[in-house]
Amino acid sequence: MTRSLKKGPYVDAKLLRKIAGKDALKTPSIKTWARASQIPPEMVGFTFGVHNGKAHIDVLVTEDMVGHRLGEFSSTRKFVRHGGKMQKEIDQKKRESEITAAKSAKASTGDTKKK
């Protein structure tokens, strides 16, 4: 459900105070826990450390992000991988190809040294 136009967008007042009068390129990452705060045009160019529940994820604000929320760019869930028999076969083939590539590279470098 969207926010009422009468109320206007929700932008955390502390964030606006932190960026007021500062240069976007010279300012280091600004840590914040305000994931629900919308991104106004004044924030473009700044880097924010958005908290995901465990750590601060650096988010560089661009023009495309205006109107979105800060929390959208700092995922709270970590994808490990899908499991199963098929994934094990894919991983095994990948390992075998890496080993053969390493052996061929080692053999080619060994030939050039002997000459």
PDB file of N, CA and C in Angstrom:
ATOM      1  N   MET A   1       0.840  -1.175   0.000  1.00  0.00           N
ATOM      2  CA  MET A   1       0.000   0.000   0.000  1.00  0.00           C
ATOM      3  C   MET A   1       0.890   1.244   0.000  1.00  0.00           C
ATOM      4  N   THR A   2       0.563   2.174  -0.866  1.00  0.00           N
ATOM      5  CA  THR A   2       1.411   3.358  -0.986  1.00  0.00           C
ATOM      6  C   THR A   2       1.068   4.394   0.071  1.00  0.00           C
ATOM      7  N   ARG A   3       1.994   5.297   0.291  1.00  0.00           N
ATOM      8  CA  ARG A   3       1.803   6.364   1.262  1.00  0.00           C
ATOM      9  C   ARG A   3       0.929   7.443   0.645  1.00  0.00           C
ATOM     10  N   SER A   4       0.120   8.073   1.449  1.00  0.00           N
ATOM     11  CA  SER A   4      -0.782   9.122   0.993  1.00  0.00           C
ATOM     12  C   SER A   4      -0.003  10.303   0.411  1.00  0.00           C
ATOM     13  N   LEU A   5      -0.458  10.845  -0.706  1.00  0.00           N
ATOM     14  CA  LEU A   5       0.198  11.998  -1.313  1.00  0.00           C
ATOM     15  C   LEU A   5       0.095  13.222  -0.408  1.00  0.00           C
ATOM     16  N   LYS A   6      -0.969  13.262   0.372  1.00  0.00           N
ATOM     17  CA  LYS A   6      -1.171  14.371   1.303  1.00  0.00           C
ATOM     18  C   LYS A   6      -0.040  14.435   2.341  1.00  0.00           C
ATOM     19  N   LYS A   7       0.429  13.270   2.789  1.00  0.00           N
ATOM     20  CA  LYS A   7       1.488  13.211   3.793  1.00  0.00           C
ATOM     21  C   LYS A   7       2.864  13.462   3.183  1.00  0.00           C
ATOM     22  N   GLY A   8       3.052  13.107   1.936  1.00  0.00           N
ATOM     23  CA  GLY A   8       4.356  13.253   1.302  1.00  0.00           C
ATOM     24  C   GLY A   8       5.232  12.048   1.564  1.00  0.00           C
ATOM     25  N   PRO A   9       6.409  11.996   0.931  1.00  0.00           N
ATOM     26  CA  PRO A   9       7.288  10.838   1.108  1.00  0.00           C
ATOM     27  C   PRO A   9       7.927  10.823   2.494  1.00  0.00           C
ATOM     28  N   TYR A  10       8.215   9.637   2.993  1.00  0.00           N
ATOM     29  CA  TYR A  10       8.889   9.515   4.282  1.00  0.00           C
ATOM     30  C   TYR A  10      10.391   9.543   4.048  1.00  0.00           C
ATOM     31  N   VAL A  11      11.047  10.558   4.536  1.00  0.00           N
ATOM     32  CA  VAL A  11      12.498  10.654   4.492  1.00  0.00           C
ATOM     33  C   VAL A  11      12.961  10.927   5.913  1.00  0.00           C
ATOM     34  N   ASP A  12      13.874  10.106   6.396  1.00  0.00           N
ATOM     35  CA  ASP A  12      14.367  10.254   7.753  1.00  0.00           C
ATOM     36  C   ASP A  12      15.056  11.612   7.920  1.00  0.00           C
ATOM     37  N   ALA A  13      14.637  12.366   8.912  1.00  0.00           N
ATOM     38  CA  ALA A  13      15.170  13.712   9.138  1.00  0.00           C
ATOM     39  C   ALA A  13      16.660  13.684   9.493  1.00  0.00           C
ATOM     40  N   LYS A  14      17.096  12.645  10.221  1.00  0.00           N
ATOM     41  CA  LYS A  14      18.506  12.534  10.584  1.00  0.00           C
ATOM     42  C   LYS A  14      19.389  12.393   9.341  1.00  0.00           C
ATOM     43  N   LEU A  15      18.900  11.635   8.364  1.00  0.00           N
ATOM     44  CA  LEU A  15      19.673  11.452   7.140  1.00  0.00           C
ATOM     45  C   LEU A  15      19.834  12.768   6.393  1.00  0.00           C
ATOM     46  N   LEU A  16      18.750  13.533   6.333  1.00  0.00           N
ATOM     47  CA  LEU A  16      18.820  14.821   5.641  1.00  0.00           C
ATOM     48  C   LEU A  16      19.786  15.769   6.336  1.00  0.00           C
ATOM     49  N   ARG A  17      19.821  15.707   7.674  1.00  0.00           N
ATOM     50  CA  ARG A  17      20.758  16.549   8.419  1.00  0.00           C
ATOM     51  C   ARG A  17      22.204  16.116   8.186  1.00  0.00           C
ATOM     52  N   LYS A  18      22.419  14.808   8.043  1.00  0.00           N
ATOM     53  CA  LYS A  18      23.773  14.300   7.838  1.00  0.00           C
ATOM     54  C   LYS A  18      24.340  14.699   6.475  1.00  0.00           C
ATOM     55  N   ILE A  19      23.480  14.841   5.460  1.00  0.00           N
ATOM     56  CA  ILE A  19      23.984  15.176   4.128  1.00  0.00           C
ATOM     57  C   ILE A  19      23.884  16.663   3.818  1.00  0.00           C
ATOM     58  N   ALA A  20      23.240  17.432   4.677  1.00  0.00           N
ATOM     59  CA  ALA A  20      23.035  18.856   4.411  1.00  0.00           C
ATOM     60  C   ALA A  20      24.371  19.596   4.322  1.00  0.00           C
ATOM     61  N   GLY A  21      24.592  20.269   3.204  1.00  0.00           N
ATOM     62  CA  GLY A  21      25.778  21.091   3.014  1.00  0.00           C
ATOM     63  C   GLY A  21      27.075  20.332   2.809  1.00  0.00           C
ATOM     64  N   LYS A  22      27.009  19.037   2.524  1.00  0.00           N
ATOM     65  CA  LYS A  22      28.217  18.242   2.327  1.00  0.00           C
ATOM     66  C   LYS A  22      28.372  17.879   0.858  1.00  0.00           C
ATOM     67  N   ASP A  23      29.622  17.644   0.463  1.00  0.00           N
ATOM     68  CA  ASP A  23      29.922  17.235  -0.907  1.00  0.00           C
ATOM     69  C   ASP A  23      29.810  15.711  -0.995  1.00  0.00           C
ATOM     70  N   ALA A  24      29.096  15.231  -2.008  1.00  0.00           N
ATOM     71  CA  ALA A  24      28.851  13.802  -2.148  1.00  0.00           C
ATOM     72  C   ALA A  24      30.136  13.014  -2.405  1.00  0.00           C
ATOM     73  N   LEU A  25      31.072  13.595  -3.121  1.00  0.00           N
ATOM     74  CA  LEU A  25      32.289  12.868  -3.464  1.00  0.00           C
ATOM     75  C   LEU A  25      33.279  12.788  -2.312  1.00  0.00           C
ATOM     76  N   LYS A  26      33.288  13.784  -1.454  1.00  0.00           N
ATOM     77  CA  LYS A  26      34.261  13.818  -0.356  1.00  0.00           C
ATOM     78  C   LYS A  26      33.752  13.180   0.926  1.00  0.00           C
ATOM     79  N   THR A  27      32.454  12.932   1.016  1.00  0.00           N
ATOM     80  CA  THR A  27      31.862  12.378   2.235  1.00  0.00           C
ATOM     81  C   THR A  27      32.019  10.861   2.260  1.00  0.00           C
ATOM     82  N   PRO A  28      32.525  10.294   3.358  1.00  0.00           N
ATOM     83  CA  PRO A  28      32.603   8.832   3.449  1.00  0.00           C
ATOM     84  C   PRO A  28      31.208   8.224   3.617  1.00  0.00           C
ATOM     85  N   SER A  29      31.149   6.919   3.662  1.00  0.00           N
ATOM     86  CA  SER A  29      29.881   6.213   3.789  1.00  0.00           C
ATOM     87  C   SER A  29      29.139   6.651   5.060  1.00  0.00           C
ATOM     88  N   ILE A  30      27.857   6.944   4.924  1.00  0.00           N
ATOM     89  CA  ILE A  30      27.021   7.380   6.043  1.00  0.00           C
ATOM     90  C   ILE A  30      26.224   6.177   6.534  1.00  0.00           C
ATOM     91  N   LYS A  31      26.494   5.742   7.759  1.00  0.00           N
ATOM     92  CA  LYS A  31      25.790   4.573   8.307  1.00  0.00           C
ATOM     93  C   LYS A  31      24.373   4.954   8.701  1.00  0.00           C
ATOM     94  N   THR A  32      23.434   4.051   8.382  1.00  0.00           N
ATOM     95  CA  THR A  32      22.040   4.294   8.735  1.00  0.00           C
ATOM     96  C   THR A  32      21.307   2.986   8.985  1.00  0.00           C
ATOM     97  N   TRP A  33      20.323   3.074   9.855  1.00  0.00           N
ATOM     98  CA  TRP A  33      19.420   1.960  10.119  1.00  0.00           C
ATOM     99  C   TRP A  33      18.038   2.262   9.552  1.00  0.00           C
ATOM    100  N   ALA A  34      17.873   3.405   8.893  1.00  0.00           N
ATOM    101  CA  ALA A  34      16.575   3.847   8.362  1.00  0.00           C
ATOM    102  C   ALA A  34      16.313   3.206   7.009  1.00  0.00           C
ATOM    103  N   ARG A  35      15.983   1.914   7.013  1.00  0.00           N
ATOM    104  CA  ARG A  35      15.723   1.195   5.762  1.00  0.00           C
ATOM    105  C   ARG A  35      14.428   1.649   5.102  1.00  0.00           C
ATOM    106  N   ALA A  36      13.487   2.171   5.884  1.00  0.00           N
ATOM    107  CA  ALA A  36      12.183   2.569   5.354  1.00  0.00           C
ATOM    108  C   ALA A  36      12.210   3.954   4.709  1.00  0.00           C
ATOM    109  N   SER A  37      13.311   4.648   4.836  1.00  0.00           N
ATOM    110  CA  SER A  37      13.411   6.002   4.305  1.00  0.00           C
ATOM    111  C   SER A  37      13.465   5.982   2.781  1.00  0.00           C
ATOM    112  N   GLN A  38      12.655   6.863   2.155  1.00  0.00           N
ATOM    113  CA  GLN A  38      12.690   6.972   0.703  1.00  0.00           C
ATOM    114  C   GLN A  38      13.891   7.796   0.281  1.00  0.00           C
ATOM    115  N   ILE A  39      14.296   7.632  -0.968  1.00  0.00           N
ATOM    116  CA  ILE A  39      15.459   8.334  -1.480  1.00  0.00           C
ATOM    117  C   ILE A  39      15.006   9.572  -2.256  1.00  0.00           C
ATOM    118  N   PRO A  40      15.273  10.774  -1.719  1.00  0.00           N
ATOM    119  CA  PRO A  40      14.960  12.004  -2.450  1.00  0.00           C
ATOM    120  C   PRO A  40      16.114  12.368  -3.392  1.00  0.00           C
ATOM    121  N   PRO A  41      15.904  13.294  -4.320  1.00  0.00           N
ATOM    122  CA  PRO A  41      16.969  13.685  -5.247  1.00  0.00           C
ATOM    123  C   PRO A  41      18.209  14.271  -4.558  1.00  0.00           C
ATOM    124  N   GLU A  42      18.079  14.784  -3.339  1.00  0.00           N
ATOM    125  CA  GLU A  42      19.219  15.355  -2.632  1.00  0.00           C
ATOM    126  C   GLU A  42      20.262  14.301  -2.267  1.00  0.00           C
ATOM    127  N   MET A  43      19.869  13.027  -2.196  1.00  0.00           N
ATOM    128  CA  MET A  43      20.771  11.962  -1.779  1.00  0.00           C
ATOM    129  C   MET A  43      21.609  11.397  -2.926  1.00  0.00           C
ATOM    130  N   VAL A  44      21.353  11.804  -4.151  1.00  0.00           N
ATOM    131  CA  VAL A  44      22.062  11.243  -5.299  1.00  0.00           C
ATOM    132  C   VAL A  44      23.548  11.552  -5.188  1.00  0.00           C
ATOM    133  N   GLY A  45      24.364  10.515  -5.355  1.00  0.00           N
ATOM    134  CA  GLY A  45      25.813  10.655  -5.296  1.00  0.00           C
ATOM    135  C   GLY A  45      26.416  10.257  -3.966  1.00  0.00           C
ATOM    136  N   PHE A  46      25.629  10.224  -2.909  1.00  0.00           N
ATOM    137  CA  PHE A  46      26.134   9.839  -1.590  1.00  0.00           C
ATOM    138  C   PHE A  46      26.182   8.320  -1.465  1.00  0.00           C
ATOM    139  N   THR A  47      27.074   7.844  -0.604  1.00  0.00           N
ATOM    140  CA  THR A  47      27.150   6.419  -0.293  1.00  0.00           C
ATOM    141  C   THR A  47      26.624   6.217   1.119  1.00  0.00           C
ATOM    142  N   PHE A  48      25.647   5.319   1.247  1.00  0.00           N
ATOM    143  CA  PHE A  48      25.042   5.020   2.541  1.00  0.00           C
ATOM    144  C   PHE A  48      25.370   3.592   2.938  1.00  0.00           C
ATOM    145  N   GLY A  49      25.688   3.394   4.214  1.00  0.00           N
ATOM    146  CA  GLY A  49      25.859   2.063   4.771  1.00  0.00           C
ATOM    147  C   GLY A  49      24.537   1.639   5.372  1.00  0.00           C
ATOM    148  N   VAL A  50      23.742   0.907   4.601  1.00  0.00           N
ATOM    149  CA  VAL A  50      22.397   0.503   5.029  1.00  0.00           C
ATOM    150  C   VAL A  50      22.498  -0.800   5.800  1.00  0.00           C
ATOM    151  N   HIS A  51      21.963  -0.806   7.009  1.00  0.00           N
ATOM    152  CA  HIS A  51      22.051  -1.974   7.888  1.00  0.00           C
ATOM    153  C   HIS A  51      21.089  -3.054   7.413  1.00  0.00           C
ATOM    154  N   ASN A  52      21.584  -4.295   7.324  1.00  0.00           N
ATOM    155  CA  ASN A  52      20.731  -5.397   6.895  1.00  0.00           C
ATOM    156  C   ASN A  52      20.370  -6.334   8.035  1.00  0.00           C
ATOM    157  N   GLY A  53      20.643  -5.931   9.261  1.00  0.00           N
ATOM    158  CA  GLY A  53      20.362  -6.761  10.428  1.00  0.00           C
ATOM    159  C   GLY A  53      21.613  -7.333  11.028  1.00  0.00           C
ATOM    160  N   LYS A  54      22.685  -7.391  10.233  1.00  0.00           N
ATOM    161  CA  LYS A  54      23.939  -7.936  10.717  1.00  0.00           C
ATOM    162  C   LYS A  54      25.101  -6.984  10.455  1.00  0.00           C
ATOM    163  N   ALA A  55      25.125  -6.394   9.281  1.00  0.00           N
ATOM    164  CA  ALA A  55      26.225  -5.509   8.897  1.00  0.00           C
ATOM    165  C   ALA A  55      25.693  -4.364   8.042  1.00  0.00           C
ATOM    166  N   HIS A  56      26.531  -3.374   7.815  1.00  0.00           N
ATOM    167  CA  HIS A  56      26.153  -2.252   6.957  1.00  0.00           C
ATOM    168  C   HIS A  56      26.631  -2.538   5.533  1.00  0.00           C
ATOM    169  N   ILE A  57      25.698  -2.511   4.585  1.00  0.00           N
ATOM    170  CA  ILE A  57      26.001  -2.736   3.173  1.00  0.00           C
ATOM    171  C   ILE A  57      26.092  -1.378   2.493  1.00  0.00           C
ATOM    172  N   ASP A  58      27.219  -1.097   1.832  1.00  0.00           N
ATOM    173  CA  ASP A  58      27.391   0.188   1.150  1.00  0.00           C
ATOM    174  C   ASP A  58      26.525   0.255  -0.097  1.00  0.00           C
ATOM    175  N   VAL A  59      25.752   1.343  -0.204  1.00  0.00           N
ATOM    176  CA  VAL A  59      24.864   1.575  -1.337  1.00  0.00           C
ATOM    177  C   VAL A  59      25.172   2.958  -1.901  1.00  0.00           C
ATOM    178  N   LEU A  60      25.604   3.008  -3.157  1.00  0.00           N
ATOM    179  CA  LEU A  60      25.846   4.270  -3.838  1.00  0.00           C
ATOM    180  C   LEU A  60      24.541   4.680  -4.508  1.00  0.00           C
ATOM    181  N   VAL A  61      23.979   5.812  -4.130  1.00  0.00           N
ATOM    182  CA  VAL A  61      22.680   6.254  -4.629  1.00  0.00           C
ATOM    183  C   VAL A  61      22.856   6.898  -6.006  1.00  0.00           C
ATOM    184  N   THR A  62      22.074   6.414  -6.981  1.00  0.00           N
ATOM    185  CA  THR A  62      22.081   6.963  -8.333  1.00  0.00           C
ATOM    186  C   THR A  62      20.720   7.573  -8.633  1.00  0.00           C
ATOM    187  N   GLU A  63      20.595   8.204  -9.785  1.00  0.00           N
ATOM    188  CA  GLU A  63      19.345   8.859 -10.158  1.00  0.00           C
ATOM    189  C   GLU A  63      18.202   7.865 -10.329  1.00  0.00           C
ATOM    190  N   ASP A  64      18.515   6.632 -10.723  1.00  0.00           N
ATOM    191  CA  ASP A  64      17.481   5.614 -10.921  1.00  0.00           C
ATOM    192  C   ASP A  64      16.829   5.182  -9.612  1.00  0.00           C
ATOM    193  N   MET A  65      17.504   5.403  -8.498  1.00  0.00           N
ATOM    194  CA  MET A  65      17.005   4.954  -7.194  1.00  0.00           C
ATOM    195  C   MET A  65      16.051   5.943  -6.541  1.00  0.00           C
ATOM    196  N   VAL A  66      15.911   7.138  -7.087  1.00  0.00           N
ATOM    197  CA  VAL A  66      15.053   8.158  -6.473  1.00  0.00           C
ATOM    198  C   VAL A  66      13.619   7.645  -6.409  1.00  0.00           C
ATOM    199  N   GLY A  67      13.023   7.753  -5.230  1.00  0.00           N
ATOM    200  CA  GLY A  67      11.652   7.279  -5.026  1.00  0.00           C
ATOM    201  C   GLY A  67      11.581   5.906  -4.399  1.00  0.00           C
ATOM    202  N   HIS A  68      12.664   5.142  -4.464  1.00  0.00           N
ATOM    203  CA  HIS A  68      12.698   3.819  -3.841  1.00  0.00           C
ATOM    204  C   HIS A  68      13.104   3.965  -2.377  1.00  0.00           C
ATOM    205  N   ARG A  69      13.082   2.864  -1.655  1.00  0.00           N
ATOM    206  CA  ARG A  69      13.469   2.859  -0.249  1.00  0.00           C
ATOM    207  C   ARG A  69      14.909   2.357  -0.125  1.00  0.00           C
ATOM    208  N   LEU A  70      15.601   2.820   0.904  1.00  0.00           N
ATOM    209  CA  LEU A  70      16.991   2.400   1.105  1.00  0.00           C
ATOM    210  C   LEU A  70      17.103   0.895   1.346  1.00  0.00           C
ATOM    211  N   GLY A  71      16.143   0.330   2.036  1.00  0.00           N
ATOM    212  CA  GLY A  71      16.182  -1.093   2.369  1.00  0.00           C
ATOM    213  C   GLY A  71      16.093  -2.012   1.173  1.00  0.00           C
ATOM    214  N   GLU A  72      15.609  -1.510   0.035  1.00  0.00           N
ATOM    215  CA  GLU A  72      15.497  -2.346  -1.158  1.00  0.00           C
ATOM    216  C   GLU A  72      16.865  -2.741  -1.699  1.00  0.00           C
ATOM    217  N   PHE A  73      17.889  -1.976  -1.371  1.00  0.00           N
ATOM    218  CA  PHE A  73      19.211  -2.195  -1.936  1.00  0.00           C
ATOM    219  C   PHE A  73      20.172  -2.858  -0.962  1.00  0.00           C
ATOM    220  N   SER A  74      19.660  -3.296   0.173  1.00  0.00           N
ATOM    221  CA  SER A  74      20.461  -3.999   1.166  1.00  0.00           C
ATOM    222  C   SER A  74      19.681  -5.237   1.605  1.00  0.00           C
ATOM    223  N   SER A  75      19.959  -6.354   0.957  1.00  0.00           N
ATOM    224  CA  SER A  75      19.206  -7.580   1.195  1.00  0.00           C
ATOM    225  C   SER A  75      19.442  -8.110   2.611  1.00  0.00           C
ATOM    226  N   THR A  76      18.373  -8.601   3.232  1.00  0.00           N
ATOM    227  CA  THR A  76      18.469  -9.133   4.593  1.00  0.00           C
ATOM    228  C   THR A  76      18.642 -10.639   4.609  1.00  0.00           C
ATOM    229  N   ARG A  77      18.508 -11.272   3.457  1.00  0.00           N
ATOM    230  CA  ARG A  77      18.643 -12.726   3.379  1.00  0.00           C
ATOM    231  C   ARG A  77      19.854 -13.084   2.534  1.00  0.00           C
ATOM    232  N   LYS A  78      20.539 -14.152   2.932  1.00  0.00           N
ATOM    233  CA  LYS A  78      21.724 -14.589   2.216  1.00  0.00           C
ATOM    234  C   LYS A  78      21.402 -15.872   1.466  1.00  0.00           C
ATOM    235  N   PHE A  79      21.558 -15.843   0.130  1.00  0.00           N
ATOM    236  CA  PHE A  79      21.318 -17.035  -0.676  1.00  0.00           C
ATOM    237  C   PHE A  79      22.564 -17.898  -0.644  1.00  0.00           C
ATOM    238  N   VAL A  80      22.437 -19.123  -0.197  1.00  0.00           N
ATOM    239  CA  VAL A  80      23.567 -20.023  -0.146  1.00  0.00           C
ATOM    240  C   VAL A  80      23.689 -20.725  -1.490  1.00  0.00           C
ATOM    241  N   ARG A  81      22.763 -21.607  -1.823  1.00  0.00           N
ATOM    242  CA  ARG A  81      22.670 -22.244  -3.131  1.00  0.00           C
ATOM    243  C   ARG A  81      21.598 -23.313  -3.072  1.00  0.00           C
ATOM    244  N   HIS A  82      21.167 -23.729  -4.236  1.00  0.00           N
ATOM    245  CA  HIS A  82      20.238 -24.837  -4.309  1.00  0.00           C
ATOM    246  C   HIS A  82      21.041 -26.123  -4.208  1.00  0.00           C
ATOM    247  N   GLY A  83      20.459 -27.117  -3.597  1.00  0.00           N
ATOM    248  CA  GLY A  83      21.178 -28.374  -3.424  1.00  0.00           C
ATOM    249  C   GLY A  83      20.642 -29.447  -4.339  1.00  0.00           C
ATOM    250  N   GLY A  84      20.954 -30.669  -4.018  1.00  0.00           N
ATOM    251  CA  GLY A  84      20.440 -31.799  -4.765  1.00  0.00           C
ATOM    252  C   GLY A  84      21.481 -32.467  -5.635  1.00  0.00           C
ATOM    253  N   LYS A  85      21.061 -33.562  -6.263  1.00  0.00           N
ATOM    254  CA  LYS A  85      21.939 -34.383  -7.070  1.00  0.00           C
ATOM    255  C   LYS A  85      22.462 -33.620  -8.291  1.00  0.00           C
ATOM    256  N   MET A  86      21.592 -32.851  -8.915  1.00  0.00           N
ATOM    257  CA  MET A  86      21.971 -32.123 -10.117  1.00  0.00           C
ATOM    258  C   MET A  86      23.050 -31.078  -9.817  1.00  0.00           C
ATOM    259  N   GLN A  87      22.918 -30.392  -8.716  1.00  0.00           N
ATOM    260  CA  GLN A  87      23.903 -29.376  -8.327  1.00  0.00           C
ATOM    261  C   GLN A  87      25.252 -30.022  -8.034  1.00  0.00           C
ATOM    262  N   LYS A  88      25.260 -31.193  -7.418  1.00  0.00           N
ATOM    263  CA  LYS A  88      26.509 -31.883  -7.126  1.00  0.00           C
ATOM    264  C   LYS A  88      27.229 -32.264  -8.419  1.00  0.00           C
ATOM    265  N   GLU A  89      26.469 -32.698  -9.432  1.00  0.00           N
ATOM    266  CA  GLU A  89      27.065 -33.064 -10.719  1.00  0.00           C
ATOM    267  C   GLU A  89      27.667 -31.832 -11.401  1.00  0.00           C
ATOM    268  N   ILE A  90      26.979 -30.717 -11.332  1.00  0.00           N
ATOM    269  CA  ILE A  90      27.478 -29.475 -11.936  1.00  0.00           C
ATOM    270  C   ILE A  90      28.760 -29.033 -11.250  1.00  0.00           C
ATOM    271  N   ASP A  91      28.790 -29.106  -9.927  1.00  0.00           N
ATOM    272  CA  ASP A  91      29.984 -28.721  -9.169  1.00  0.00           C
ATOM    273  C   ASP A  91      31.165 -29.633  -9.500  1.00  0.00           C
ATOM    274  N   GLN A  92      30.902 -30.942  -9.644  1.00  0.00           N
ATOM    275  CA  GLN A  92      31.961 -31.896  -9.955  1.00  0.00           C
ATOM    276  C   GLN A  92      32.558 -31.608 -11.329  1.00  0.00           C
ATOM    277  N   LYS A  93      31.719 -31.318 -12.335  1.00  0.00           N
ATOM    278  CA  LYS A  93      32.200 -31.005 -13.681  1.00  0.00           C
ATOM    279  C   LYS A  93      33.027 -29.720 -13.669  1.00  0.00           C
ATOM    280  N   LYS A  94      32.595 -28.755 -12.874  1.00  0.00           N
ATOM    281  CA  LYS A  94      33.323 -27.488 -12.777  1.00  0.00           C
ATOM    282  C   LYS A  94      34.713 -27.713 -12.185  1.00  0.00           C
ATOM    283  N   ARG A  95      34.801 -28.530 -11.143  1.00  0.00           N
ATOM    284  CA  ARG A  95      36.089 -28.819 -10.517  1.00  0.00           C
ATOM    285  C   ARG A  95      37.026 -29.532 -11.496  1.00  0.00           C
ATOM    286  N   GLU A  96      36.470 -30.512 -12.247  1.00  0.00           N
ATOM    287  CA  GLU A  96      37.281 -31.259 -13.212  1.00  0.00           C
ATOM    288  C   GLU A  96      37.821 -30.343 -14.299  1.00  0.00           C
ATOM    289  N   SER A  97      36.992 -29.421 -14.779  1.00  0.00           N
ATOM    290  CA  SER A  97      37.451 -28.504 -15.827  1.00  0.00           C
ATOM    291  C   SER A  97      38.528 -27.559 -15.299  1.00  0.00           C
ATOM    292  N   GLU A  98      38.397 -27.121 -14.048  1.00  0.00           N
ATOM    293  CA  GLU A  98      39.429 -26.269 -13.450  1.00  0.00           C
ATOM    294  C   GLU A  98      40.749 -27.015 -13.309  1.00  0.00           C
ATOM    295  N   ILE A  99      40.698 -28.280 -12.932  1.00  0.00           N
ATOM    296  CA  ILE A  99      41.910 -29.085 -12.767  1.00  0.00           C
ATOM    297  C   ILE A  99      42.600 -29.284 -14.110  1.00  0.00           C
ATOM    298  N   THR A 100      41.833 -29.612 -15.146  1.00  0.00           N
ATOM    299  CA  THR A 100      42.439 -29.813 -16.468  1.00  0.00           C
ATOM    300  C   THR A 100      43.021 -28.508 -17.013  1.00  0.00           C
ATOM    301  N   ALA A 101      42.344 -27.390 -16.757  1.00  0.00           N
ATOM    302  CA  ALA A 101      42.867 -26.095 -17.211  1.00  0.00           C
ATOM    303  C   ALA A 101      44.168 -25.762 -16.497  1.00  0.00           C
ATOM    304  N   ALA A 102      44.236 -26.060 -15.207  1.00  0.00           N
ATOM    305  CA  ALA A 102      45.451 -25.797 -14.440  1.00  0.00           C
ATOM    306  C   ALA A 102      46.601 -26.682 -14.920  1.00  0.00           C
ATOM    307  N   LYS A 103      46.297 -27.958 -15.235  1.00  0.00           N
ATOM    308  CA  LYS A 103      47.341 -28.870 -15.711  1.00  0.00           C
ATOM    309  C   LYS A 103      47.870 -28.426 -17.070  1.00  0.00           C
ATOM    310  N   SER A 104      46.973 -28.009 -17.952  1.00  0.00           N
ATOM    311  CA  SER A 104      47.404 -27.579 -19.288  1.00  0.00           C
ATOM    312  C   SER A 104      48.216 -26.284 -19.196  1.00  0.00           C
ATOM    313  N   ALA A 105      47.834 -25.390 -18.303  1.00  0.00           N
ATOM    314  CA  ALA A 105      48.595 -24.154 -18.129  1.00  0.00           C
ATOM    315  C   ALA A 105      49.974 -24.443 -17.552  1.00  0.00           C
ATOM    316  N   LYS A 106      50.044 -25.377 -16.642  1.00  0.00           N
ATOM    317  CA  LYS A 106      51.315 -25.741 -16.036  1.00  0.00           C
ATOM    318  C   LYS A 106      52.226 -26.408 -17.065  1.00  0.00           C
ATOM    319  N   ALA A 107      51.639 -27.255 -17.929  1.00  0.00           N
ATOM    320  CA  ALA A 107      52.422 -27.930 -18.953  1.00  0.00           C
ATOM    321  C   ALA A 107      52.945 -26.932 -19.983  1.00  0.00           C
ATOM    322  N   SER A 108      52.141 -25.956 -20.345  1.00  0.00           N
ATOM    323  CA  SER A 108      52.574 -24.963 -21.346  1.00  0.00           C
ATOM    324  C   SER A 108      53.667 -24.057 -20.781  1.00  0.00           C
ATOM    325  N   THR A 109      53.622 -23.725 -19.521  1.00  0.00           N
ATOM    326  CA  THR A 109      54.678 -22.890 -18.932  1.00  0.00           C
ATOM    327  C   THR A 109      55.944 -23.694 -18.731  1.00  0.00           C
ATOM    328  N   GLY A 110      55.838 -24.975 -18.492  1.00  0.00           N
ATOM    329  CA  GLY A 110      57.000 -25.835 -18.318  1.00  0.00           C
ATOM    330  C   GLY A 110      57.747 -26.006 -19.626  1.00  0.00           C
ATOM    331  N   ASP A 111      57.034 -26.065 -20.771  1.00  0.00           N
ATOM    332  CA  ASP A 111      57.674 -26.220 -22.079  1.00  0.00           C
ATOM    333  C   ASP A 111      58.488 -24.982 -22.446  1.00  0.00           C
ATOM    334  N   THR A 112      57.997 -23.788 -22.116  1.00  0.00           N
ATOM    335  CA  THR A 112      58.704 -22.558 -22.478  1.00  0.00           C
ATOM    336  C   THR A 112      59.973 -22.384 -21.667  1.00  0.00           C
ATOM    337  N   LYS A 113      60.019 -22.897 -20.460  1.00  0.00           N
ATOM    338  CA  LYS A 113      61.207 -22.761 -19.630  1.00  0.00           C
ATOM    339  C   LYS A 113      62.342 -23.667 -20.111  1.00  0.00           C
ATOM    340  N   LYS A 114      62.036 -24.830 -20.686  1.00  0.00           N
ATOM    341  CA  LYS A 114      63.035 -25.763 -21.129  1.00  0.00           C
ATOM    342  C   LYS A 114      63.762 -25.277 -22.385  1.00  0.00           C
ATOM    343  N   LYS A 115      63.110 -24.481 -23.197  1.00  0.00           N
ATOM    344  CA  LYS A 115      63.696 -24.016 -24.464  1.00  0.00           C
ATOM    345  C   LYS A 115      64.706 -22.984 -24.293  1.00  0.00           C
TER     346      LYS A 115
END
